[in-house]
Amino acid sequence: MAFVRIKHPDIEETGSVSERAYLRVYKEKGWELADTQPAHPANVDPDEPKRPQRNDSTDAWRTYAVTRGMTREDADELSRDELVTHFDTLDQTQES
């Protein structure tokens, strides 16, 4: 499976997804191809956005929230600590 690096005009960081996911989902939501380099080695899960450290900036957490499916408006309404708590709870629920 091929992976591509993508970017969105509203987000500073790039992400990577399978080429299939890009064509089916992300392209329609305004994401663009960032480059043509392979996005990840085979042993890295490209569909899992890199979670910021707890002490990273609020902007880093808001960007992460958007890559996890939260709207930009909802992310902007939450503090960094609220975002950390939200994803701690969400990830624990998904693991159960």
N, C-alpha and C. Protein backbone atom coordinates (compact mmCIF):
# COMPACT_ATOMS: atom_id res chain seq x y z
N MET A 1 0.85 -1.17 0.00
CA MET A 1 0.00 0.00 0.00
C MET A 1 0.90 1.23 0.00
N ALA A 2 0.58 2.18 -0.86
CA ALA A 2 1.36 3.41 -0.95
C ALA A 2 0.79 4.48 -0.03
N PHE A 3 1.67 5.24 0.57
CA PHE A 3 1.27 6.34 1.44
C PHE A 3 1.73 7.65 0.82
N VAL A 4 0.93 8.68 1.06
CA VAL A 4 1.25 10.00 0.54
C VAL A 4 1.24 11.00 1.68
N ARG A 5 2.07 12.02 1.54
CA ARG A 5 2.12 13.10 2.52
C ARG A 5 1.12 14.16 2.05
N ILE A 6 0.30 14.63 2.99
CA ILE A 6 -0.73 15.61 2.64
C ILE A 6 -0.63 16.84 3.52
N LYS A 7 -1.22 17.93 3.04
CA LYS A 7 -1.24 19.18 3.81
C LYS A 7 -2.61 19.82 3.63
N HIS A 8 -2.97 20.66 4.57
CA HIS A 8 -4.23 21.39 4.49
C HIS A 8 -3.92 22.87 4.64
N PRO A 9 -4.60 23.73 3.92
CA PRO A 9 -4.30 25.16 3.98
C PRO A 9 -4.45 25.76 5.38
N ASP A 10 -5.26 25.16 6.24
CA ASP A 10 -5.49 25.71 7.58
C ASP A 10 -4.58 25.14 8.65
N ILE A 11 -3.70 24.21 8.29
CA ILE A 11 -2.86 23.52 9.27
C ILE A 11 -1.40 23.63 8.83
N GLU A 12 -0.51 23.99 9.77
CA GLU A 12 0.90 24.16 9.42
C GLU A 12 1.60 22.84 9.14
N GLU A 13 1.28 21.81 9.89
CA GLU A 13 1.97 20.54 9.77
C GLU A 13 1.39 19.70 8.64
N THR A 14 2.19 18.76 8.16
CA THR A 14 1.69 17.82 7.17
C THR A 14 1.34 16.51 7.88
N GLY A 15 0.60 15.69 7.21
CA GLY A 15 0.26 14.37 7.72
C GLY A 15 0.46 13.37 6.60
N SER A 16 0.21 12.13 6.89
CA SER A 16 0.30 11.14 5.84
C SER A 16 -0.81 10.11 6.00
N VAL A 17 -1.29 9.66 4.86
CA VAL A 17 -2.38 8.69 4.81
C VAL A 17 -2.12 7.77 3.64
N SER A 18 -2.88 6.70 3.59
CA SER A 18 -2.76 5.83 2.42
C SER A 18 -3.27 6.60 1.20
N GLU A 19 -2.73 6.26 0.07
CA GLU A 19 -3.14 6.94 -1.16
C GLU A 19 -4.64 6.74 -1.38
N ARG A 20 -5.12 5.58 -1.05
CA ARG A 20 -6.55 5.26 -1.18
C ARG A 20 -7.40 6.18 -0.29
N ALA A 21 -6.98 6.36 0.98
CA ALA A 21 -7.72 7.24 1.90
C ALA A 21 -7.70 8.67 1.39
N TYR A 22 -6.56 9.11 0.86
CA TYR A 22 -6.48 10.47 0.32
C TYR A 22 -7.51 10.66 -0.79
N LEU A 23 -7.57 9.72 -1.72
CA LEU A 23 -8.46 9.87 -2.86
C LEU A 23 -9.93 9.77 -2.45
N ARG A 24 -10.23 8.95 -1.44
CA ARG A 24 -11.62 8.75 -1.03
C ARG A 24 -12.13 9.78 -0.04
N VAL A 25 -11.29 10.31 0.83
CA VAL A 25 -11.77 11.14 1.93
C VAL A 25 -11.12 12.51 1.96
N TYR A 26 -9.81 12.56 2.07
CA TYR A 26 -9.11 13.81 2.37
C TYR A 26 -9.16 14.82 1.24
N LYS A 27 -9.07 14.37 0.02
CA LYS A 27 -9.07 15.29 -1.12
C LYS A 27 -10.35 16.11 -1.15
N GLU A 28 -11.49 15.49 -0.85
CA GLU A 28 -12.77 16.19 -0.85
C GLU A 28 -12.86 17.23 0.26
N LYS A 29 -12.06 17.08 1.33
CA LYS A 29 -12.10 17.99 2.46
C LYS A 29 -11.04 19.08 2.39
N GLY A 30 -10.44 19.26 1.22
CA GLY A 30 -9.52 20.36 1.02
C GLY A 30 -8.05 20.02 1.20
N TRP A 31 -7.72 18.76 1.51
CA TRP A 31 -6.32 18.38 1.67
C TRP A 31 -5.67 18.28 0.29
N GLU A 32 -4.37 18.59 0.24
CA GLU A 32 -3.60 18.55 -1.00
C GLU A 32 -2.37 17.67 -0.78
N LEU A 33 -1.82 17.18 -1.87
CA LEU A 33 -0.57 16.43 -1.77
C LEU A 33 0.55 17.39 -1.40
N ALA A 34 1.35 17.02 -0.41
CA ALA A 34 2.44 17.88 0.04
C ALA A 34 3.71 17.65 -0.77
N ASP A 35 3.96 16.42 -1.14
CA ASP A 35 5.13 16.08 -1.95
C ASP A 35 4.95 14.66 -2.48
N THR A 36 5.94 14.18 -3.21
CA THR A 36 5.82 12.84 -3.78
C THR A 36 6.75 11.85 -3.10
N GLN A 37 7.39 12.24 -2.00
CA GLN A 37 8.26 11.33 -1.26
C GLN A 37 7.42 10.30 -0.51
N PRO A 38 7.91 9.08 -0.32
CA PRO A 38 7.17 8.13 0.51
C PRO A 38 6.95 8.72 1.90
N ALA A 39 5.78 8.57 2.44
CA ALA A 39 5.44 9.20 3.70
C ALA A 39 6.02 8.49 4.91
N HIS A 40 6.05 7.18 4.91
CA HIS A 40 6.49 6.43 6.08
C HIS A 40 7.17 5.13 5.67
N PRO A 41 8.08 4.67 6.50
CA PRO A 41 8.59 3.33 6.28
C PRO A 41 7.46 2.32 6.56
N ALA A 42 7.63 1.12 6.11
CA ALA A 42 6.58 0.10 6.21
C ALA A 42 6.17 -0.22 7.64
N ASN A 43 7.05 -0.06 8.63
CA ASN A 43 6.74 -0.46 10.00
C ASN A 43 6.07 0.63 10.83
N VAL A 44 5.72 1.77 10.24
CA VAL A 44 5.09 2.87 10.97
C VAL A 44 3.64 2.97 10.52
N ASP A 45 2.72 3.12 11.47
CA ASP A 45 1.31 3.26 11.13
C ASP A 45 1.05 4.69 10.65
N PRO A 46 0.86 4.89 9.36
CA PRO A 46 0.70 6.24 8.82
C PRO A 46 -0.65 6.87 9.12
N ASP A 47 -1.63 6.06 9.48
CA ASP A 47 -2.96 6.60 9.75
C ASP A 47 -3.09 7.15 11.16
N GLU A 48 -2.08 6.96 11.99
CA GLU A 48 -2.11 7.44 13.37
C GLU A 48 -1.31 8.73 13.48
N PRO A 49 -2.00 9.86 13.67
CA PRO A 49 -1.27 11.13 13.81
C PRO A 49 -0.38 11.10 15.05
N LYS A 50 0.76 11.78 14.97
CA LYS A 50 1.68 11.82 16.11
C LYS A 50 1.07 12.68 17.21
N ARG A 51 0.89 12.08 18.38
CA ARG A 51 0.31 12.78 19.52
C ARG A 51 1.35 13.72 20.12
N PRO A 52 0.98 14.97 20.36
CA PRO A 52 1.94 15.91 20.98
C PRO A 52 2.27 15.49 22.42
N GLN A 53 3.37 15.98 22.92
CA GLN A 53 3.70 15.80 24.33
C GLN A 53 2.72 16.64 25.15
N ARG A 54 2.48 16.25 26.39
CA ARG A 54 1.53 16.98 27.24
C ARG A 54 1.88 18.47 27.36
N ASN A 55 3.16 18.80 27.34
CA ASN A 55 3.56 20.20 27.53
C ASN A 55 3.77 20.94 26.21
N ASP A 56 3.41 20.34 25.08
CA ASP A 56 3.50 21.04 23.80
C ASP A 56 2.49 22.18 23.77
N SER A 57 2.63 23.04 22.82
CA SER A 57 1.80 24.24 22.74
C SER A 57 0.33 23.91 22.50
N THR A 58 -0.51 24.85 22.82
CA THR A 58 -1.94 24.72 22.56
C THR A 58 -2.18 24.55 21.07
N ASP A 59 -1.42 25.29 20.25
CA ASP A 59 -1.58 25.17 18.80
C ASP A 59 -1.25 23.76 18.32
N ALA A 60 -0.21 23.15 18.88
CA ALA A 60 0.13 21.77 18.50
C ALA A 60 -1.02 20.82 18.84
N TRP A 61 -1.62 21.02 20.01
CA TRP A 61 -2.74 20.17 20.41
C TRP A 61 -3.97 20.43 19.55
N ARG A 62 -4.19 21.67 19.17
CA ARG A 62 -5.34 21.96 18.30
C ARG A 62 -5.15 21.35 16.92
N THR A 63 -3.95 21.41 16.41
CA THR A 63 -3.66 20.79 15.12
C THR A 63 -3.88 19.29 15.21
N TYR A 64 -3.40 18.68 16.28
CA TYR A 64 -3.60 17.24 16.49
C TYR A 64 -5.09 16.92 16.55
N ALA A 65 -5.86 17.73 17.26
CA ALA A 65 -7.30 17.50 17.40
C ALA A 65 -7.97 17.50 16.02
N VAL A 66 -7.58 18.44 15.17
CA VAL A 66 -8.15 18.51 13.83
C VAL A 66 -7.78 17.27 13.02
N THR A 67 -6.53 16.79 13.15
CA THR A 67 -6.13 15.59 12.40
C THR A 67 -6.85 14.35 12.92
N ARG A 68 -7.34 14.42 14.15
CA ARG A 68 -8.10 13.30 14.72
C ARG A 68 -9.60 13.42 14.45
N GLY A 69 -10.03 14.47 13.75
CA GLY A 69 -11.42 14.58 13.34
C GLY A 69 -12.24 15.67 13.99
N MET A 70 -11.65 16.41 14.92
CA MET A 70 -12.37 17.51 15.57
C MET A 70 -12.39 18.70 14.61
N THR A 71 -13.47 19.46 14.62
CA THR A 71 -13.51 20.65 13.77
C THR A 71 -12.55 21.70 14.33
N ARG A 72 -12.06 22.55 13.48
CA ARG A 72 -11.15 23.62 13.91
C ARG A 72 -11.85 24.52 14.93
N GLU A 73 -13.13 24.80 14.72
CA GLU A 73 -13.88 25.65 15.64
C GLU A 73 -13.95 25.03 17.04
N ASP A 74 -14.25 23.72 17.10
CA ASP A 74 -14.31 23.05 18.41
C ASP A 74 -12.95 23.02 19.08
N ALA A 75 -11.91 22.77 18.30
CA ALA A 75 -10.56 22.73 18.87
C ALA A 75 -10.16 24.09 19.42
N ASP A 76 -10.53 25.15 18.71
CA ASP A 76 -10.17 26.50 19.15
C ASP A 76 -10.86 26.90 20.44
N GLU A 77 -11.97 26.27 20.76
CA GLU A 77 -12.71 26.60 21.99
C GLU A 77 -12.13 25.93 23.23
N LEU A 78 -11.24 24.94 23.04
CA LEU A 78 -10.70 24.19 24.16
C LEU A 78 -9.28 24.62 24.48
N SER A 79 -8.94 24.57 25.77
CA SER A 79 -7.56 24.85 26.19
C SER A 79 -6.71 23.62 25.92
N ARG A 80 -5.41 23.78 26.04
CA ARG A 80 -4.51 22.65 25.86
C ARG A 80 -4.84 21.53 26.84
N ASP A 81 -5.04 21.88 28.11
CA ASP A 81 -5.33 20.86 29.12
C ASP A 81 -6.65 20.15 28.84
N GLU A 82 -7.62 20.88 28.33
CA GLU A 82 -8.90 20.25 27.98
C GLU A 82 -8.72 19.28 26.80
N LEU A 83 -7.90 19.67 25.83
CA LEU A 83 -7.62 18.78 24.71
C LEU A 83 -6.88 17.52 25.16
N VAL A 84 -5.89 17.67 26.04
CA VAL A 84 -5.16 16.52 26.57
C VAL A 84 -6.14 15.57 27.26
N THR A 85 -6.99 16.10 28.12
CA THR A 85 -7.96 15.28 28.84
C THR A 85 -8.91 14.59 27.87
N HIS A 86 -9.38 15.33 26.88
CA HIS A 86 -10.29 14.76 25.88
C HIS A 86 -9.67 13.55 25.20
N PHE A 87 -8.42 13.69 24.73
CA PHE A 87 -7.80 12.58 24.00
C PHE A 87 -7.32 11.47 24.92
N ASP A 88 -6.96 11.78 26.14
CA ASP A 88 -6.67 10.72 27.11
C ASP A 88 -7.90 9.85 27.30
N THR A 89 -9.05 10.49 27.51
CA THR A 89 -10.30 9.76 27.73
C THR A 89 -10.70 8.99 26.47
N LEU A 90 -10.62 9.64 25.33
CA LEU A 90 -11.00 9.01 24.08
C LEU A 90 -10.12 7.79 23.79
N ASP A 91 -8.81 7.93 23.96
CA ASP A 91 -7.90 6.83 23.68
C ASP A 91 -8.09 5.67 24.65
N GLN A 92 -8.37 5.97 25.92
CA GLN A 92 -8.62 4.92 26.90
C GLN A 92 -9.92 4.16 26.55
N THR A 93 -10.92 4.88 26.10
CA THR A 93 -12.19 4.27 25.72
C THR A 93 -12.00 3.36 24.52
N GLN A 94 -11.20 3.78 23.55
CA GLN A 94 -10.96 2.98 22.34
C GLN A 94 -10.14 1.74 22.63
N GLU A 95 -9.28 1.80 23.64
CA GLU A 95 -8.45 0.64 23.99
C GLU A 95 -9.27 -0.43 24.71
N SER A 96 -10.35 -0.04 25.35
CA SER A 96 -11.18 -0.97 26.13
C SER A 96 -12.02 -1.85 25.23
